[in-house]
PDB file of N, CA and C in Angstrom:
ATOM      1  N   UNK A   1      -4.598  -1.577 -30.883  1.00  0.00           N
ATOM      2  CA  UNK A   1      -5.435  -0.698 -30.101  1.00  0.00           C
ATOM      3  C   UNK A   1      -5.975  -1.427 -28.861  1.00  0.00           C
ATOM      4  N   UNK A   2      -6.522  -2.614 -29.050  1.00  0.00           N
ATOM      5  CA  UNK A   2      -7.083  -3.383 -27.946  1.00  0.00           C
ATOM      6  C   UNK A   2      -5.993  -3.748 -26.948  1.00  0.00           C
ATOM      7  N   UNK A   3      -4.815  -4.053 -27.418  1.00  0.00           N
ATOM      8  CA  UNK A   3      -3.706  -4.460 -26.558  1.00  0.00           C
ATOM      9  C   UNK A   3      -3.266  -3.301 -25.645  1.00  0.00           C
ATOM     10  N   UNK A   4      -3.258  -2.075 -26.155  1.00  0.00           N
ATOM     11  CA  UNK A   4      -2.886  -0.909 -25.345  1.00  0.00           C
ATOM     12  C   UNK A   4      -3.890  -0.679 -24.218  1.00  0.00           C
ATOM     13  N   UNK A   5      -5.158  -0.882 -24.509  1.00  0.00           N
ATOM     14  CA  UNK A   5      -6.201  -0.713 -23.510  1.00  0.00           C
ATOM     15  C   UNK A   5      -6.045  -1.738 -22.386  1.00  0.00           C
ATOM     16  N   UNK A   6      -5.733  -2.957 -22.749  1.00  0.00           N
ATOM     17  CA  UNK A   6      -5.564  -4.018 -21.757  1.00  0.00           C
ATOM     18  C   UNK A   6      -4.327  -3.749 -20.900  1.00  0.00           C
ATOM     19  N   UNK A   7      -3.249  -3.281 -21.514  1.00  0.00           N
ATOM     20  CA  UNK A   7      -2.035  -2.958 -20.765  1.00  0.00           C
ATOM     21  C   UNK A   7      -2.292  -1.816 -19.775  1.00  0.00           C
ATOM     22  N   UNK A   8      -3.031  -0.805 -20.207  1.00  0.00           N
ATOM     23  CA  UNK A   8      -3.345   0.319 -19.330  1.00  0.00           C
ATOM     24  C   UNK A   8      -4.219  -0.129 -18.162  1.00  0.00           C
ATOM     25  N   UNK A   9      -5.193  -0.967 -18.423  1.00  0.00           N
ATOM     26  CA  UNK A   9      -6.068  -1.479 -17.372  1.00  0.00           C
ATOM     27  C   UNK A   9      -5.282  -2.328 -16.379  1.00  0.00           C
ATOM     28  N   UNK A  10      -4.370  -3.139 -16.865  1.00  0.00           N
ATOM     29  CA  UNK A  10      -3.538  -3.966 -15.982  1.00  0.00           C
ATOM     30  C   UNK A  10      -2.645  -3.090 -15.102  1.00  0.00           C
ATOM     31  N   UNK A  11      -2.084  -2.039 -15.669  1.00  0.00           N
ATOM     32  CA  UNK A  11      -1.231  -1.140 -14.899  1.00  0.00           C
ATOM     33  C   UNK A  11      -2.029  -0.425 -13.818  1.00  0.00           C
ATOM     34  N   UNK A  12      -3.220   0.053 -14.154  1.00  0.00           N
ATOM     35  CA  UNK A  12      -4.063   0.743 -13.161  1.00  0.00           C
ATOM     36  C   UNK A  12      -4.500  -0.195 -12.044  1.00  0.00           C
ATOM     37  N   UNK A  13      -4.823  -1.432 -12.382  1.00  0.00           N
ATOM     38  CA  UNK A  13      -5.218  -2.377 -11.339  1.00  0.00           C
ATOM     39  C   UNK A  13      -4.026  -2.741 -10.459  1.00  0.00           C
ATOM     40  N   UNK A  14      -2.827  -2.786 -11.036  1.00  0.00           N
ATOM     41  CA  UNK A  14      -1.626  -3.045 -10.250  1.00  0.00           C
ATOM     42  C   UNK A  14      -1.391  -1.921  -9.246  1.00  0.00           C
ATOM     43  N   UNK A  15      -1.618  -0.698  -9.669  1.00  0.00           N
ATOM     44  CA  UNK A  15      -1.467   0.436  -8.760  1.00  0.00           C
ATOM     45  C   UNK A  15      -2.472   0.332  -7.612  1.00  0.00           C
ATOM     46  N   UNK A  16      -3.706   0.015  -7.923  1.00  0.00           N
ATOM     47  CA  UNK A  16      -4.736  -0.102  -6.884  1.00  0.00           C
ATOM     48  C   UNK A  16      -4.435  -1.197  -5.877  1.00  0.00           C
ATOM     49  N   UNK A  17      -4.010  -2.339  -6.367  1.00  0.00           N
ATOM     50  CA  UNK A  17      -3.693  -3.450  -5.474  1.00  0.00           C
ATOM     51  C   UNK A  17      -2.475  -3.112  -4.612  1.00  0.00           C
ATOM     52  N   UNK A  18      -1.501  -2.446  -5.199  1.00  0.00           N
ATOM     53  CA  UNK A  18      -0.294  -2.066  -4.452  1.00  0.00           C
ATOM     54  C   UNK A  18      -0.638  -1.102  -3.319  1.00  0.00           C
ATOM     55  N   UNK A  19      -1.440  -0.100  -3.605  1.00  0.00           N
ATOM     56  CA  UNK A  19      -1.846   0.854  -2.569  1.00  0.00           C
ATOM     57  C   UNK A  19      -2.598   0.145  -1.451  1.00  0.00           C
ATOM     58  N   UNK A  20      -3.571  -0.654  -1.824  1.00  0.00           N
ATOM     59  CA  UNK A  20      -4.387  -1.349  -0.825  1.00  0.00           C
ATOM     60  C   UNK A  20      -3.545  -2.291   0.031  1.00  0.00           C
ATOM     61  N   UNK A  21      -2.652  -3.042  -0.599  1.00  0.00           N
ATOM     62  CA  UNK A  21      -1.837  -4.004   0.146  1.00  0.00           C
ATOM     63  C   UNK A  21      -0.907  -3.304   1.127  1.00  0.00           C
ATOM     64  N   UNK A  22      -0.248  -2.256   0.694  1.00  0.00           N
ATOM     65  CA  UNK A  22       0.676  -1.539   1.587  1.00  0.00           C
ATOM     66  C   UNK A  22      -0.048  -0.977   2.801  1.00  0.00           C
ATOM     67  N   UNK A  23      -1.173  -0.346   2.569  1.00  0.00           N
ATOM     68  CA  UNK A  23      -1.897   0.271   3.681  1.00  0.00           C
ATOM     69  C   UNK A  23      -2.491  -0.789   4.604  1.00  0.00           C
ATOM     70  N   UNK A  24      -3.055  -1.839   4.039  1.00  0.00           N
ATOM     71  CA  UNK A  24      -3.653  -2.883   4.875  1.00  0.00           C
ATOM     72  C   UNK A  24      -2.610  -3.623   5.704  1.00  0.00           C
ATOM     73  N   UNK A  25      -1.443  -3.866   5.142  1.00  0.00           N
ATOM     74  CA  UNK A  25      -0.378  -4.515   5.914  1.00  0.00           C
ATOM     75  C   UNK A  25       0.030  -3.624   7.085  1.00  0.00           C
ATOM     76  N   UNK A  26       0.149  -2.329   6.836  1.00  0.00           N
ATOM     77  CA  UNK A  26       0.500  -1.403   7.922  1.00  0.00           C
ATOM     78  C   UNK A  26      -0.560  -1.358   9.008  1.00  0.00           C
ATOM     79  N   UNK A  27      -1.825  -1.282   8.598  1.00  0.00           N
ATOM     80  CA  UNK A  27      -2.922  -1.189   9.579  1.00  0.00           C
ATOM     81  C   UNK A  27      -3.048  -2.474  10.382  1.00  0.00           C
ATOM     82  N   UNK A  28      -3.109  -3.616   9.706  1.00  0.00           N
ATOM     83  CA  UNK A  28      -3.315  -4.869  10.432  1.00  0.00           C
ATOM     84  C   UNK A  28      -2.082  -5.297  11.209  1.00  0.00           C
ATOM     85  N   UNK A  29      -0.892  -4.989  10.682  1.00  0.00           N
ATOM     86  CA  UNK A  29       0.322  -5.266  11.444  1.00  0.00           C
ATOM     87  C   UNK A  29       0.388  -4.422  12.699  1.00  0.00           C
ATOM     88  N   UNK A  30       0.052  -3.138  12.576  1.00  0.00           N
ATOM     89  CA  UNK A  30       0.019  -2.267  13.746  1.00  0.00           C
ATOM     90  C   UNK A  30      -1.041  -2.674  14.747  1.00  0.00           C
ATOM     91  N   UNK A  31      -2.186  -3.085  14.233  1.00  0.00           N
ATOM     92  CA  UNK A  31      -3.272  -3.533  15.127  1.00  0.00           C
ATOM     93  C   UNK A  31      -2.873  -4.785  15.897  1.00  0.00           C
ATOM     94  N   UNK A  32      -2.210  -5.706  15.181  1.00  0.00           N
ATOM     95  CA  UNK A  32      -1.743  -6.932  15.829  1.00  0.00           C
ATOM     96  C   UNK A  32      -0.748  -6.607  16.942  1.00  0.00           C
ATOM     97  N   UNK A  33       0.212  -5.727  16.636  1.00  0.00           N
ATOM     98  CA  UNK A  33       1.202  -5.361  17.652  1.00  0.00           C
ATOM     99  C   UNK A  33       0.568  -4.586  18.805  1.00  0.00           C
ATOM    100  N   UNK A  34      -0.419  -3.749  18.512  1.00  0.00           N
ATOM    101  CA  UNK A  34      -1.124  -3.043  19.583  1.00  0.00           C
ATOM    102  C   UNK A  34      -1.802  -4.022  20.526  1.00  0.00           C
ATOM    103  N   UNK A  35      -2.468  -5.027  19.985  1.00  0.00           N
ATOM    104  CA  UNK A  35      -3.134  -6.022  20.825  1.00  0.00           C
ATOM    105  C   UNK A  35      -2.121  -6.839  21.618  1.00  0.00           C
ATOM    106  N   UNK A  36      -0.983  -7.109  21.008  1.00  0.00           N
ATOM    107  CA  UNK A  36       0.044  -7.909  21.658  1.00  0.00           C
ATOM    108  C   UNK A  36       0.719  -7.128  22.790  1.00  0.00           C
ATOM    109  N   UNK A  37       0.981  -5.854  22.560  1.00  0.00           N
ATOM    110  CA  UNK A  37       1.741  -5.047  23.519  1.00  0.00           C
ATOM    111  C   UNK A  37       0.870  -4.147  24.399  1.00  0.00           C
ATOM    112  N   UNK A  38      -0.409  -4.018  24.052  1.00  0.00           N
ATOM    113  CA  UNK A  38      -1.311  -3.180  24.842  1.00  0.00           C
ATOM    114  C   UNK A  38      -1.063  -1.692  24.671  1.00  0.00           C
ATOM    115  N   UNK A  39      -0.705  -1.279  23.476  1.00  0.00           N
ATOM    116  CA  UNK A  39      -0.382   0.130  23.219  1.00  0.00           C
ATOM    117  C   UNK A  39      -1.404   0.809  22.314  1.00  0.00           C
ATOM    118  N   UNK A  40      -2.594   0.289  22.287  1.00  0.00           N
ATOM    119  CA  UNK A  40      -3.617   0.763  21.352  1.00  0.00           C
ATOM    120  C   UNK A  40      -3.842   2.257  21.474  1.00  0.00           C
ATOM    121  N   UNK A  41      -3.968   2.985  20.461  1.00  0.00           N
ATOM    122  CA  UNK A  41      -3.917   2.788  19.011  1.00  0.00           C
ATOM    123  C   UNK A  41      -2.604   3.238  18.373  1.00  0.00           C
ATOM    124  N   UNK A  42      -1.551   3.436  19.169  1.00  0.00           N
ATOM    125  CA  UNK A  42      -0.361   4.134  18.691  1.00  0.00           C
ATOM    126  C   UNK A  42       0.412   3.381  17.611  1.00  0.00           C
ATOM    127  N   UNK A  43       0.616   2.104  17.766  1.00  0.00           N
ATOM    128  CA  UNK A  43       1.361   1.362  16.745  1.00  0.00           C
ATOM    129  C   UNK A  43       0.532   1.224  15.478  1.00  0.00           C
ATOM    130  N   UNK A  44      -0.783   1.115  15.607  1.00  0.00           N
ATOM    131  CA  UNK A  44      -1.627   1.055  14.418  1.00  0.00           C
ATOM    132  C   UNK A  44      -1.555   2.371  13.636  1.00  0.00           C
ATOM    133  N   UNK A  45      -1.527   3.483  14.330  1.00  0.00           N
ATOM    134  CA  UNK A  45      -1.407   4.779  13.655  1.00  0.00           C
ATOM    135  C   UNK A  45      -0.061   4.869  12.942  1.00  0.00           C
ATOM    136  N   UNK A  46       0.996   4.463  13.631  1.00  0.00           N
ATOM    137  CA  UNK A  46       2.326   4.478  13.016  1.00  0.00           C
ATOM    138  C   UNK A  46       2.386   3.525  11.824  1.00  0.00           C
ATOM    139  N   UNK A  47       1.773   2.361  11.955  1.00  0.00           N
ATOM    140  CA  UNK A  47       1.737   1.404  10.849  1.00  0.00           C
ATOM    141  C   UNK A  47       0.949   1.930   9.662  1.00  0.00           C
ATOM    142  N   UNK A  48      -0.126   2.653   9.941  1.00  0.00           N
ATOM    143  CA  UNK A  48      -0.918   3.252   8.868  1.00  0.00           C
ATOM    144  C   UNK A  48      -0.104   4.291   8.107  1.00  0.00           C
ATOM    145  N   UNK A  49       0.609   5.123   8.855  1.00  0.00           N
ATOM    146  CA  UNK A  49       1.434   6.148   8.211  1.00  0.00           C
ATOM    147  C   UNK A  49       2.550   5.504   7.398  1.00  0.00           C
ATOM    148  N   UNK A  50       3.191   4.493   7.961  1.00  0.00           N
ATOM    149  CA  UNK A  50       4.239   3.793   7.216  1.00  0.00           C
ATOM    150  C   UNK A  50       3.676   3.079   5.989  1.00  0.00           C
ATOM    151  N   UNK A  51       2.455   2.564   6.089  1.00  0.00           N
ATOM    152  CA  UNK A  51       1.812   1.928   4.945  1.00  0.00           C
ATOM    153  C   UNK A  51       1.551   2.910   3.816  1.00  0.00           C
ATOM    154  N   UNK A  52       1.115   4.122   4.153  1.00  0.00           N
ATOM    155  CA  UNK A  52       0.886   5.153   3.139  1.00  0.00           C
ATOM    156  C   UNK A  52       2.203   5.553   2.484  1.00  0.00           C
ATOM    157  N   UNK A  53       3.248   5.706   3.291  1.00  0.00           N
ATOM    158  CA  UNK A  53       4.562   6.050   2.740  1.00  0.00           C
ATOM    159  C   UNK A  53       5.061   4.940   1.817  1.00  0.00           C
ATOM    160  N   UNK A  54       4.891   3.703   2.239  1.00  0.00           N
ATOM    161  CA  UNK A  54       5.309   2.572   1.407  1.00  0.00           C
ATOM    162  C   UNK A  54       4.508   2.513   0.108  1.00  0.00           C
ATOM    163  N   UNK A  55       3.232   2.859   0.177  1.00  0.00           N
ATOM    164  CA  UNK A  55       2.405   2.863  -1.035  1.00  0.00           C
ATOM    165  C   UNK A  55       2.894   3.914  -2.020  1.00  0.00           C
ATOM    166  N   UNK A  56       3.201   5.116  -1.537  1.00  0.00           N
ATOM    167  CA  UNK A  56       3.721   6.159  -2.423  1.00  0.00           C
ATOM    168  C   UNK A  56       5.046   5.752  -3.043  1.00  0.00           C
ATOM    169  N   UNK A  57       5.933   5.147  -2.240  1.00  0.00           N
ATOM    170  CA  UNK A  57       7.217   4.720  -2.766  1.00  0.00           C
ATOM    171  C   UNK A  57       7.034   3.627  -3.816  1.00  0.00           C
ATOM    172  N   UNK A  58       6.137   2.708  -3.567  1.00  0.00           N
ATOM    173  CA  UNK A  58       5.896   1.636  -4.529  1.00  0.00           C
ATOM    174  C   UNK A  58       5.343   2.178  -5.844  1.00  0.00           C
ATOM    175  N   UNK A  59       4.470   3.180  -5.766  1.00  0.00           N
ATOM    176  CA  UNK A  59       3.931   3.775  -6.979  1.00  0.00           C
ATOM    177  C   UNK A  59       5.014   4.506  -7.740  1.00  0.00           C
ATOM    178  N   UNK A  60       5.890   5.200  -7.020  1.00  0.00           N
ATOM    179  CA  UNK A  60       6.994   5.877  -7.694  1.00  0.00           C
ATOM    180  C   UNK A  60       7.932   4.871  -8.369  1.00  0.00           C
ATOM    181  N   UNK A  61       8.102   3.701  -7.744  1.00  0.00           N
ATOM    182  CA  UNK A  61       8.925   2.659  -8.357  1.00  0.00           C
ATOM    183  C   UNK A  61       8.256   2.045  -9.583  1.00  0.00           C
ATOM    184  N   UNK A  62       6.925   2.030  -9.604  1.00  0.00           N
ATOM    185  CA  UNK A  62       6.197   1.486 -10.756  1.00  0.00           C
ATOM    186  C   UNK A  62       6.173   2.438 -11.951  1.00  0.00           C
ATOM    187  N   UNK A  63       6.337   3.718 -11.680  1.00  0.00           N
ATOM    188  CA  UNK A  63       6.253   4.709 -12.738  1.00  0.00           C
ATOM    189  C   UNK A  63       7.354   4.472 -13.781  1.00  0.00           C
ATOM    190  N   UNK A  64       6.995   4.568 -15.053  1.00  0.00           N
ATOM    191  CA  UNK A  64       8.010   4.363 -16.082  1.00  0.00           C
ATOM    192  C   UNK A  64       9.056   5.469 -16.043  1.00  0.00           C
ATOM    193  N   UNK A  65      10.289   5.064 -16.196  1.00  0.00           N
ATOM    194  CA  UNK A  65      11.391   6.033 -16.169  1.00  0.00           C
ATOM    195  C   UNK A  65      11.675   6.521 -17.585  1.00  0.00           C
ATOM    196  N   UNK A  66      11.870   7.819 -17.703  1.00  0.00           N
ATOM    197  CA  UNK A  66      12.130   8.386 -19.039  1.00  0.00           C
ATOM    198  C   UNK A  66      13.464   9.035 -19.080  1.00  0.00           C
TER     199      UNK A  66
END
């Protein structure tokens, strides 16, 4: 019983970290490129959208297959 609870908690925390990492990489990568190229805020917006898409794909890849 205790082991199942720990496994579920680990899986949920993995999902949270995956979402946060994907979105933050997109935002900060886009922000960096915006500052470098002087295109503010367009690349950051595109990076944010790509980060959200990557987060959804990563979650779908984490989902157990039946």
